[in-house]
Amino acid sequence: MLSKDYTTSRFSLKIRSVLLLYFVFLAVALCGQQDKVVVDKISISGNDHTKPGVIYRELLFQLGDSIPVDELSDILKRSKESLINTRLFTVVDVYFKNWEAATNKVHIQVDLREGWYIFPVPIFEWVDRNFNVWWVEQQRDLNRINLGMDFTHTNLSGRRDRLNFQVKYGYVRQYGLKYTFPYLNRAKTLGLSGAIAYQKKREVNYLTNANKQLFYAENDEFIYQKFSSLLNLTFRPGHNITHEWGLSYNRKFVGSIVYEQLNPMFFANGGGNERAFSASYSFTYDFRDVVAYPQNGIYFQAKLTKSGLGLFKDKNILLFAFRHENYFQFADRWSSGYDFFGKTSLIRTRPPFENSHIMGSSGTTVPGYEYYILDGLDAVLLKTFFRYKLMDNELRFGKIMPFESFKIIPFRVYLRASSGWGFANDPFDSGVNTLNQTLLWGGGPAVDIIFFHDIVFRFEYSFNHLGEKGLFLHFKSNL
């Protein structure tokens, strides 16, 4: 049962939309040949912590801009989406407050509700590639669980800068620190981020057999250690295009039994340690309406990564990868889209085993193949979907919720049907991994639940060309 306040707010929103259209058409009629309006004033409310400059950076208009009347509605809508995609606000509304027909001057209002920026989240996670592998193949083994604390402040100084500190203690021990500052210069086009991490594990994946990961574990000592650091520079000249340059350094160690008995090709040098610098460049074009769960828009990213810059001669890999996504909303509740991914190794020598996984993790899984991993030099993956918006509502906690940011939690529920096709090429496979060099197909129905704008739970029933089927849980958060 919807509350009276909720019903009233929805009714008010509809009235505002009708009035907006009315005044737009009225202004067009009055303006005649003067078909542009001038942004005379911009007012912002609700930004208690966020600096105004961060908000102005995401708007597609500035003070004094002349905007064609027939483009005003779209510019306000896209400005709202741009602010939502900062993930700093749970509620965003951008509209014109006053319109002087005689002078064509408009006063634009930006109303915001800030989200909760501090997330001290306890860590309870499985060490496997995904929840489904841990639940089924590892039989919910609690020894394969990590405990710890992940502390994130998503808006530390009010300038959209992000601080993350992580401690894991359990099957894997890990300590990490990362800081991102997106606005280095006055124009807010340059950003910088840096991270440092140390990890050690009692278990290591040393081989792939029948497209399954084989592990070796030492219960009394840590068999694998990794130190990593990285520095990224971003250039975002507008709202939709981002260039990013990265430089990283990794130092790794593995127990002697791994490279002497289990897999001499674990590291490229055949030994027990590896040092390597890596450099990368990526180009991203992002024109999606809401990044975490888009209804409309296009996303494209191309990335070139060189691992091993010749300083230590421990590794020599050059990878090119791209991802293209397209989303279409063709009715009020109906939408569809596709996700096309490709990756290839431009240096055609056999990579070290630790760098050989090319499909089956990090968003590169064909539906229905969550239990499998594919190695190789090349991979392509195409996923398509149709979905129907079943529900769009809010959870209202009122006075029982002490935190203002969580008094109202918007959520949506979608019914979803998807299909996926994938292919991985491994010219060095001896034939034991039968899913390589094979066109994979899988798909099935799903239910997606989205909280706020960027927390997504997916319950998916998938089947594949092997005749296997099962229920899979996927979780994505952009906190």
Protein backbone atom coordinates (compact mmCIF):
# COMPACT_ATOMS: atom_id res chain seq x y z
CA MET A 1 0.00 0.00 0.00
CA LEU A 2 1.56 3.27 -1.12
CA SER A 3 1.66 6.08 1.40
CA LYS A 4 -0.23 9.31 0.88
CA ASP A 5 3.08 11.24 0.70
CA TYR A 6 4.40 8.91 -1.99
CA THR A 7 1.23 9.20 -4.11
CA THR A 8 1.22 12.97 -3.71
CA SER A 9 4.89 13.28 -4.73
CA ARG A 10 4.29 11.16 -7.84
CA PHE A 11 1.24 13.26 -8.74
CA SER A 12 3.26 16.47 -8.25
CA LEU A 13 5.98 15.14 -10.53
CA LYS A 14 3.44 14.44 -13.28
CA ILE A 15 1.96 17.93 -12.90
CA ARG A 16 5.47 19.43 -13.12
CA SER A 17 6.15 17.47 -16.33
CA VAL A 18 2.90 18.64 -17.92
CA LEU A 19 3.63 22.25 -16.98
CA LEU A 20 7.17 21.93 -18.32
CA LEU A 21 5.87 20.82 -21.73
CA TYR A 22 3.23 23.53 -21.69
CA PHE A 23 5.74 26.32 -21.02
CA VAL A 24 8.17 24.94 -23.61
CA PHE A 25 5.49 25.07 -26.31
CA LEU A 26 4.33 28.45 -25.06
CA ALA A 27 7.86 29.81 -25.21
CA VAL A 28 8.31 28.51 -28.74
CA ALA A 29 5.12 30.26 -29.78
CA LEU A 30 6.13 33.53 -28.12
CA CYS A 31 9.73 33.50 -29.25
CA GLY A 32 8.93 33.28 -32.95
CA GLN A 33 12.25 33.61 -34.69
CA GLN A 34 14.02 34.02 -31.34
CA ASP A 35 14.09 30.25 -30.76
CA LYS A 36 16.83 30.27 -28.11
CA VAL A 37 16.79 30.86 -24.38
CA VAL A 38 19.61 32.23 -22.23
CA VAL A 39 20.63 30.58 -18.97
CA ASP A 40 20.40 33.56 -16.64
CA LYS A 41 20.67 31.78 -13.28
CA ILE A 42 21.51 28.33 -11.89
CA SER A 43 20.46 27.42 -8.34
CA ILE A 44 21.57 24.30 -6.48
CA SER A 45 20.05 22.81 -3.33
CA GLY A 46 20.83 19.72 -1.28
CA ASN A 47 24.62 19.67 -1.71
CA ASP A 48 25.58 19.84 1.96
CA HIS A 49 29.01 18.25 1.43
CA THR A 50 29.63 18.31 -2.32
CA LYS A 51 31.34 21.41 -3.70
CA PRO A 52 29.28 23.37 -6.27
CA GLY A 53 32.09 23.09 -8.83
CA VAL A 54 31.62 19.32 -8.98
CA ILE A 55 27.96 19.81 -9.85
CA TYR A 56 28.60 22.54 -12.42
CA ARG A 57 31.15 20.25 -14.10
CA GLU A 58 28.46 17.67 -14.86
CA LEU A 59 25.86 20.09 -16.25
CA LEU A 60 25.62 20.35 -20.02
CA PHE A 61 25.07 24.09 -19.81
CA GLN A 62 26.70 27.11 -18.17
CA LEU A 63 25.63 30.58 -17.14
CA GLY A 64 25.10 32.72 -20.21
CA ASP A 65 24.65 29.81 -22.63
CA SER A 66 22.11 30.21 -25.42
CA ILE A 67 20.14 26.99 -25.83
CA PRO A 68 17.68 26.21 -28.66
CA VAL A 69 14.23 25.82 -27.15
CA ASP A 70 13.65 22.45 -28.80
CA GLU A 71 16.88 21.14 -27.21
CA LEU A 72 16.30 22.41 -23.67
CA SER A 73 14.33 19.40 -22.41
CA ASP A 74 16.98 16.95 -23.66
CA ILE A 75 19.84 18.99 -22.17
CA LEU A 76 18.14 19.07 -18.76
CA LYS A 77 17.52 15.31 -18.95
CA ARG A 78 21.13 14.53 -19.90
CA SER A 79 22.42 16.83 -17.14
CA LYS A 80 20.33 14.89 -14.64
CA GLU A 81 21.77 11.60 -15.92
CA SER A 82 25.31 12.97 -15.73
CA LEU A 83 24.79 13.90 -12.06
CA ILE A 84 23.30 10.47 -11.31
CA ASN A 85 26.35 8.82 -12.85
CA THR A 86 28.67 10.56 -10.38
CA ARG A 87 27.08 8.19 -7.81
CA LEU A 88 27.13 11.01 -5.28
CA PHE A 89 23.37 11.55 -5.15
CA THR A 90 20.37 9.31 -4.58
CA VAL A 91 17.85 11.83 -5.95
CA VAL A 92 18.48 14.32 -8.77
CA ASP A 93 16.06 16.76 -10.38
CA VAL A 94 17.05 19.40 -12.97
CA TYR A 95 14.35 21.74 -14.26
CA PHE A 96 13.74 25.38 -15.11
CA LYS A 97 12.23 27.38 -12.30
CA ASN A 98 11.37 30.61 -14.09
CA TRP A 99 11.13 31.62 -17.72
CA GLU A 100 10.93 35.28 -18.76
CA ALA A 101 9.20 35.11 -22.12
CA ALA A 102 10.00 38.75 -22.95
CA THR A 103 13.77 38.32 -22.58
CA ASN A 104 14.05 34.54 -23.15
CA LYS A 105 15.95 34.18 -19.86
CA VAL A 106 15.57 31.02 -17.80
CA HIS A 107 16.38 30.20 -14.19
CA ILE A 108 17.40 26.54 -13.86
CA GLN A 109 17.06 24.71 -10.56
CA VAL A 110 19.10 21.64 -9.50
CA ASP A 111 17.65 19.73 -6.54
CA LEU A 112 19.79 16.99 -4.99
CA ARG A 113 19.76 14.51 -2.17
CA GLU A 114 23.26 13.39 -1.25
CA GLY A 115 23.98 9.73 -0.72
CA TRP A 116 25.81 8.14 2.16
CA TYR A 117 29.50 8.60 1.42
CA ILE A 118 31.17 6.55 4.16
CA PHE A 119 31.01 2.78 3.76
CA PRO A 120 32.83 0.75 6.45
CA VAL A 121 31.71 -2.59 5.02
CA PRO A 122 32.63 -5.90 6.70
CA ILE A 123 34.13 -8.37 4.22
CA PHE A 124 32.69 -11.86 3.98
CA GLU A 125 33.64 -13.20 0.58
CA TRP A 126 34.59 -16.38 -1.22
CA VAL A 127 38.04 -16.70 -2.80
CA ASP A 128 36.71 -18.34 -5.95
CA ARG A 129 35.89 -16.60 -9.26
CA ASN A 130 32.24 -16.19 -8.38
CA PHE A 131 29.63 -17.19 -5.82
CA ASN A 132 28.37 -20.09 -7.91
CA VAL A 133 31.79 -21.81 -8.07
CA TRP A 134 32.16 -21.54 -4.29
CA TRP A 135 28.60 -22.72 -3.59
CA VAL A 136 28.60 -25.76 -5.90
CA GLU A 137 32.13 -26.87 -6.81
CA GLN A 138 33.76 -25.97 -3.49
CA GLN A 139 30.66 -27.15 -1.57
CA ARG A 140 30.31 -23.95 0.45
CA ASP A 141 33.65 -24.57 2.18
CA LEU A 142 33.92 -21.92 4.90
CA ASN A 143 37.69 -22.33 4.93
CA ARG A 144 37.65 -20.63 1.51
CA ILE A 145 36.21 -17.44 2.97
CA ASN A 146 37.91 -14.10 3.51
CA LEU A 147 37.00 -11.86 6.42
CA GLY A 148 37.99 -8.25 6.82
CA MET A 149 36.99 -4.63 6.44
CA ASP A 150 36.58 -2.48 3.35
CA PHE A 151 36.46 1.23 4.18
CA THR A 152 35.46 3.57 1.36
CA HIS A 153 34.76 7.28 1.39
CA THR A 154 33.30 8.18 -1.99
CA ASN A 155 33.45 11.97 -1.55
CA LEU A 156 36.25 12.64 0.90
CA SER A 157 36.75 16.38 0.48
CA GLY A 158 33.50 17.11 -1.33
CA ARG A 159 35.35 17.15 -4.66
CA ARG A 160 34.31 13.63 -5.72
CA ASP A 161 37.63 12.26 -4.52
CA ARG A 162 37.54 8.67 -3.38
CA LEU A 163 39.56 6.92 -0.65
CA ASN A 164 39.55 3.16 -0.21
CA PHE A 165 41.35 1.08 2.41
CA GLN A 166 40.96 -2.67 2.53
CA VAL A 167 42.11 -5.37 4.92
CA LYS A 168 41.40 -9.06 4.34
CA TYR A 169 42.30 -11.80 6.76
CA GLY A 170 41.52 -15.44 6.11
CA TYR A 171 42.22 -17.73 3.21
CA VAL A 172 43.78 -14.74 1.47
CA ARG A 173 45.48 -11.89 3.31
CA GLN A 174 45.40 -8.59 1.55
CA TYR A 175 46.09 -4.96 2.42
CA GLY A 176 45.33 -2.20 -0.05
CA LEU A 177 45.07 1.58 -0.26
CA LYS A 178 43.70 3.59 -3.20
CA TYR A 179 42.97 7.28 -3.70
CA THR A 180 41.31 8.91 -6.71
CA PHE A 181 41.20 12.65 -7.33
CA PRO A 182 39.25 13.38 -10.55
CA TYR A 183 39.83 17.14 -10.78
CA LEU A 184 43.47 18.22 -10.85
CA ASN A 185 43.11 21.40 -12.88
CA ARG A 186 40.72 24.33 -12.86
CA ALA A 187 38.90 23.09 -15.96
CA LYS A 188 38.32 19.77 -14.16
CA THR A 189 39.49 17.75 -17.15
CA LEU A 190 42.51 15.99 -15.59
CA GLY A 191 42.35 13.35 -12.87
CA LEU A 192 44.85 11.21 -11.00
CA SER A 193 44.60 7.99 -9.03
CA GLY A 194 47.12 5.83 -7.24
CA ALA A 195 47.02 2.51 -5.43
CA ILE A 196 49.27 0.15 -3.53
CA ALA A 197 48.48 -3.39 -2.36
CA TYR A 198 50.06 -6.48 -0.83
CA GLN A 199 48.53 -9.95 -1.06
CA LYS A 200 49.50 -13.45 0.02
CA LYS A 201 47.60 -16.70 -0.48
CA ARG A 202 47.73 -20.24 0.83
CA GLU A 203 46.47 -21.60 -2.48
CA VAL A 204 47.39 -21.03 -6.10
CA ASN A 205 45.73 -21.94 -9.39
CA TYR A 206 48.58 -23.65 -11.25
CA LEU A 207 46.86 -25.26 -14.27
CA THR A 208 43.64 -25.46 -16.30
CA ASN A 209 42.33 -28.94 -17.10
CA ALA A 210 38.99 -29.65 -18.81
CA ASN A 211 38.39 -25.90 -18.51
CA LYS A 212 38.47 -26.18 -14.72
CA GLN A 213 40.99 -24.54 -12.43
CA LEU A 214 43.37 -26.87 -10.62
CA PHE A 215 44.64 -25.63 -7.25
CA TYR A 216 47.54 -26.45 -4.98
CA ALA A 217 47.27 -25.46 -1.32
CA GLU A 218 49.63 -25.23 1.63
CA ASN A 219 47.68 -25.18 4.87
CA ASP A 220 50.56 -24.05 7.08
CA GLU A 221 52.19 -21.39 4.93
CA PHE A 222 51.50 -18.89 2.19
CA ILE A 223 52.54 -20.17 -1.21
CA TYR A 224 51.92 -17.03 -3.27
CA GLN A 225 52.75 -13.37 -2.64
CA LYS A 226 52.15 -10.27 -4.71
CA PHE A 227 53.06 -6.61 -4.30
CA SER A 228 51.47 -4.15 -6.72
CA SER A 229 51.32 -0.42 -7.28
CA LEU A 230 49.75 1.71 -9.98
CA LEU A 231 49.32 5.28 -11.12
CA ASN A 232 46.61 6.42 -13.56
CA LEU A 233 46.13 9.75 -15.32
CA THR A 234 42.76 10.58 -16.90
CA PHE A 235 41.76 13.26 -19.37
CA ARG A 236 38.02 13.95 -19.70
CA PRO A 237 37.58 16.98 -21.97
CA GLY A 238 33.77 16.81 -22.07
CA HIS A 239 31.12 14.56 -20.59
CA ASN A 240 31.29 11.40 -22.71
CA ILE A 241 34.92 10.80 -23.70
CA THR A 242 37.73 9.76 -21.35
CA HIS A 243 41.38 9.02 -22.10
CA GLU A 244 43.36 7.11 -19.48
CA TRP A 245 47.06 6.32 -19.20
CA GLY A 246 48.28 3.81 -16.62
CA LEU A 247 51.63 2.68 -15.25
CA SER A 248 51.94 -0.20 -12.80
CA TYR A 249 54.58 -2.34 -11.13
CA ASN A 250 54.09 -5.90 -9.87
CA ARG A 251 56.41 -8.16 -7.89
CA LYS A 252 55.30 -11.79 -7.38
CA PHE A 253 56.60 -14.88 -5.61
CA VAL A 254 55.41 -18.49 -5.73
CA GLY A 255 56.49 -21.62 -3.86
CA SER A 256 59.13 -23.85 -5.45
CA ILE A 257 56.80 -26.84 -5.79
CA VAL A 258 54.70 -24.85 -8.27
CA TYR A 259 57.38 -24.00 -10.82
CA GLU A 260 59.54 -27.09 -10.24
CA GLN A 261 56.85 -29.80 -10.29
CA LEU A 262 53.39 -28.49 -11.14
CA ASN A 263 53.86 -25.93 -13.92
CA PRO A 264 57.26 -24.64 -15.09
CA MET A 265 55.40 -22.07 -17.22
CA PHE A 266 53.66 -20.46 -14.25
CA PHE A 267 55.91 -17.39 -14.68
CA ALA A 268 57.47 -16.49 -18.03
CA ASN A 269 61.03 -16.87 -16.74
CA GLY A 270 60.40 -20.39 -15.40
CA GLY A 271 61.41 -19.37 -11.88
CA GLY A 272 59.76 -18.55 -8.59
CA ASN A 273 59.53 -14.77 -8.83
CA GLU A 274 58.59 -12.17 -11.39
CA ARG A 275 59.04 -8.42 -11.71
CA ALA A 276 57.32 -6.37 -14.38
CA PHE A 277 56.26 -2.86 -15.24
CA SER A 278 53.10 -2.44 -17.31
CA ALA A 279 51.79 0.51 -19.30
CA SER A 280 48.31 0.98 -20.70
CA TYR A 281 46.14 3.39 -22.63
CA SER A 282 42.36 3.31 -22.93
CA PHE A 283 39.81 5.34 -24.85
CA THR A 284 36.24 5.35 -23.53
CA TYR A 285 33.11 6.76 -25.13
CA ASP A 286 30.20 6.56 -22.69
CA PHE A 287 26.81 7.87 -23.76
CA ARG A 288 24.64 5.69 -21.49
CA ASP A 289 21.82 7.27 -19.53
CA VAL A 290 22.51 5.50 -16.20
CA VAL A 291 25.87 3.74 -16.15
CA ALA A 292 25.11 0.95 -13.66
CA TYR A 293 21.91 -0.22 -15.38
CA PRO A 294 21.32 1.60 -18.69
CA GLN A 295 18.06 1.83 -20.61
CA ASN A 296 19.41 3.84 -23.54
CA GLY A 297 22.80 4.72 -24.92
CA ILE A 298 26.12 3.51 -26.26
CA TYR A 299 29.32 2.50 -24.52
CA PHE A 300 32.63 1.79 -26.26
CA GLN A 301 36.07 1.21 -24.80
CA ALA A 302 39.33 0.20 -26.45
CA LYS A 303 42.40 -0.60 -24.37
CA LEU A 304 46.02 -1.41 -25.19
CA THR A 305 48.19 -2.94 -22.44
CA LYS A 306 51.91 -3.73 -22.57
CA SER A 307 53.09 -5.98 -19.73
CA GLY A 308 56.86 -6.03 -19.49
CA LEU A 309 58.67 -2.88 -20.57
CA GLY A 310 62.07 -4.52 -21.02
CA LEU A 311 63.58 -3.48 -17.70
CA PHE A 312 63.54 -6.95 -16.11
CA LYS A 313 62.80 -9.18 -19.15
CA ASP A 314 60.45 -11.31 -17.04
CA LYS A 315 57.39 -10.82 -19.23
CA ASN A 316 56.49 -9.69 -22.76
CA ILE A 317 52.76 -9.37 -23.44
CA LEU A 318 50.85 -6.91 -25.61
CA LEU A 319 47.06 -7.09 -25.36
CA PHE A 320 44.33 -5.24 -27.21
CA ALA A 321 40.78 -5.40 -25.85
CA PHE A 322 37.52 -3.65 -26.68
CA ARG A 323 33.96 -3.61 -25.43
CA HIS A 324 30.91 -2.19 -27.21
CA GLU A 325 27.50 -1.98 -25.55
CA ASN A 326 24.26 -0.67 -26.99
CA TYR A 327 20.95 -0.18 -25.18
CA PHE A 328 17.50 0.58 -26.60
CA GLN A 329 14.28 1.43 -24.80
CA PHE A 330 11.56 0.80 -27.38
CA ALA A 331 8.52 1.13 -25.08
CA ASP A 332 7.72 2.50 -21.64
CA ARG A 333 8.64 -0.74 -19.85
CA TRP A 334 10.53 -2.64 -22.55
CA SER A 335 14.22 -2.42 -23.42
CA SER A 336 16.88 -4.51 -25.12
CA GLY A 337 20.56 -4.39 -25.90
CA TYR A 338 23.80 -6.19 -26.53
CA ASP A 339 27.33 -6.39 -25.15
CA PHE A 340 30.16 -7.25 -27.58
CA PHE A 341 33.63 -7.97 -26.18
CA GLY A 342 36.87 -8.88 -27.89
CA LYS A 343 40.45 -9.46 -26.79
CA THR A 344 43.61 -10.51 -28.61
CA SER A 345 47.30 -10.92 -27.90
CA LEU A 346 49.38 -8.99 -30.45
CA ILE A 347 52.52 -10.91 -29.44
CA ARG A 348 51.75 -14.48 -30.50
CA THR A 349 54.06 -16.32 -28.12
CA ARG A 350 52.73 -18.47 -25.30
CA PRO A 351 51.95 -16.30 -22.26
CA PRO A 352 52.87 -17.34 -18.71
CA PHE A 353 50.09 -19.38 -17.14
CA GLU A 354 49.09 -16.68 -14.68
CA ASN A 355 48.27 -14.37 -17.60
CA SER A 356 46.55 -16.97 -19.78
CA HIS A 357 42.91 -16.69 -18.61
CA ILE A 358 40.92 -14.91 -21.30
CA MET A 359 37.28 -15.82 -20.70
CA GLY A 360 35.29 -16.82 -17.63
CA SER A 361 35.89 -13.99 -15.18
CA SER A 362 35.74 -10.19 -14.88
CA GLY A 363 32.61 -9.75 -16.98
CA THR A 364 33.67 -12.16 -19.73
CA THR A 365 31.47 -15.16 -18.90
CA VAL A 366 29.02 -16.70 -21.35
CA PRO A 367 25.70 -17.26 -19.51
CA GLY A 368 25.54 -20.85 -18.27
CA TYR A 369 29.34 -21.32 -18.17
CA GLU A 370 29.99 -19.82 -14.74
CA TYR A 371 31.82 -23.00 -13.65
CA TYR A 372 34.34 -22.90 -16.51
CA ILE A 373 37.48 -20.94 -17.35
CA LEU A 374 39.03 -20.56 -20.80
CA ASP A 375 42.68 -19.79 -21.58
CA GLY A 376 44.08 -18.50 -24.84
CA LEU A 377 45.34 -15.64 -26.97
CA ASP A 378 42.03 -14.49 -28.48
CA ALA A 379 38.41 -14.29 -27.40
CA VAL A 380 35.11 -12.86 -28.61
CA LEU A 381 31.87 -12.68 -26.64
CA LEU A 382 28.42 -11.43 -27.63
CA LYS A 383 25.55 -11.16 -25.14
CA THR A 384 22.02 -9.98 -25.98
CA PHE A 385 18.97 -9.40 -23.82
CA PHE A 386 15.34 -8.30 -23.62
CA ARG A 387 13.89 -7.02 -20.37
CA TYR A 388 10.61 -5.80 -18.93
CA LYS A 389 10.28 -3.37 -16.02
CA LEU A 390 7.99 -5.10 -13.58
CA MET A 391 8.19 -2.62 -10.71
CA ASP A 392 9.49 0.87 -9.97
CA ASN A 393 8.92 1.85 -6.36
CA GLU A 394 10.48 3.10 -3.13
CA LEU A 395 11.08 1.70 0.32
CA ARG A 396 10.23 4.36 2.90
CA PHE A 397 11.52 3.86 6.43
CA GLY A 398 10.57 7.22 7.88
CA LYS A 399 11.55 7.89 11.48
CA ILE A 400 12.80 4.36 12.18
CA MET A 401 15.82 5.04 9.94
CA PRO A 402 18.37 7.32 11.68
CA PHE A 403 20.35 8.05 8.49
CA GLU A 404 18.77 10.58 6.15
CA SER A 405 20.33 9.03 3.03
CA PHE A 406 18.55 5.72 3.66
CA LYS A 407 15.11 6.95 4.69
CA ILE A 408 13.98 6.47 1.09
CA ILE A 409 15.49 3.65 -1.00
CA PRO A 410 14.33 3.57 -4.63
CA PHE A 411 14.27 0.15 -6.26
CA ARG A 412 13.27 -1.41 -9.56
CA VAL A 413 12.58 -4.99 -10.61
CA TYR A 414 13.10 -6.27 -14.16
CA LEU A 415 12.29 -9.56 -15.84
CA ARG A 416 15.10 -10.43 -18.22
CA ALA A 417 15.83 -12.97 -20.97
CA SER A 418 19.37 -13.24 -22.34
CA SER A 419 21.54 -15.21 -24.74
CA GLY A 420 25.29 -15.31 -25.13
CA TRP A 421 27.82 -16.64 -27.62
CA GLY A 422 31.55 -16.93 -27.02
CA PHE A 423 34.70 -18.31 -28.62
CA ALA A 424 38.24 -18.61 -27.23
CA ASN A 425 41.29 -19.48 -29.30
CA ASP A 426 44.22 -21.23 -27.60
CA PRO A 427 46.78 -22.42 -30.17
CA PHE A 428 48.90 -23.93 -27.39
CA ASP A 429 46.20 -26.16 -25.90
CA SER A 430 46.94 -29.89 -26.14
CA GLY A 431 43.26 -30.79 -26.41
CA VAL A 432 42.47 -31.23 -22.72
CA ASN A 433 40.38 -28.04 -22.62
CA THR A 434 37.54 -29.00 -24.93
CA LEU A 435 35.62 -25.73 -24.66
CA ASN A 436 38.45 -23.91 -26.42
CA GLN A 437 38.10 -23.68 -30.21
CA THR A 438 34.36 -24.30 -29.68
CA LEU A 439 31.46 -21.93 -30.22
CA LEU A 440 29.76 -21.64 -26.83
CA TRP A 441 26.12 -20.74 -26.38
CA GLY A 442 24.04 -20.21 -23.27
CA GLY A 443 21.19 -18.17 -21.88
CA GLY A 444 17.96 -18.12 -19.96
CA PRO A 445 15.57 -15.99 -17.88
CA ALA A 446 16.58 -13.76 -14.97
CA VAL A 447 15.23 -11.35 -12.38
CA ASP A 448 17.20 -8.13 -11.81
CA ILE A 449 16.71 -6.04 -8.66
CA ILE A 450 18.29 -2.58 -8.60
CA PHE A 451 18.59 -0.48 -5.44
CA PHE A 452 19.32 3.23 -5.75
CA HIS A 453 20.98 3.55 -9.15
CA ASP A 454 24.00 1.28 -8.85
CA ILE A 455 23.43 -1.81 -6.69
CA VAL A 456 22.28 -4.73 -8.84
CA PHE A 457 21.28 -8.25 -7.80
CA ARG A 458 20.63 -10.78 -10.58
CA PHE A 459 19.04 -14.20 -10.12
CA GLU A 460 19.57 -16.05 -13.39
CA TYR A 461 18.49 -19.51 -14.52
CA SER A 462 20.84 -20.44 -17.37
CA PHE A 463 21.51 -23.43 -19.58
CA ASN A 464 24.30 -24.12 -22.08
CA HIS A 465 25.07 -26.21 -25.18
CA LEU A 466 26.36 -29.04 -22.96
CA GLY A 467 22.85 -29.53 -21.60
CA GLU A 468 23.80 -28.18 -18.18
CA LYS A 469 21.50 -25.81 -16.33
CA GLY A 470 21.33 -24.09 -12.98
CA LEU A 471 20.43 -21.04 -10.93
CA PHE A 472 23.17 -18.42 -10.69
CA LEU A 473 23.49 -15.35 -8.47
CA HIS A 474 25.33 -12.25 -9.70
CA PHE A 475 25.98 -9.06 -7.76
CA LYS A 476 27.34 -5.75 -8.95
CA SER A 477 27.94 -2.60 -6.95
CA ASN A 478 29.63 0.63 -7.98
CA LEU A 479 30.12 1.89 -4.43
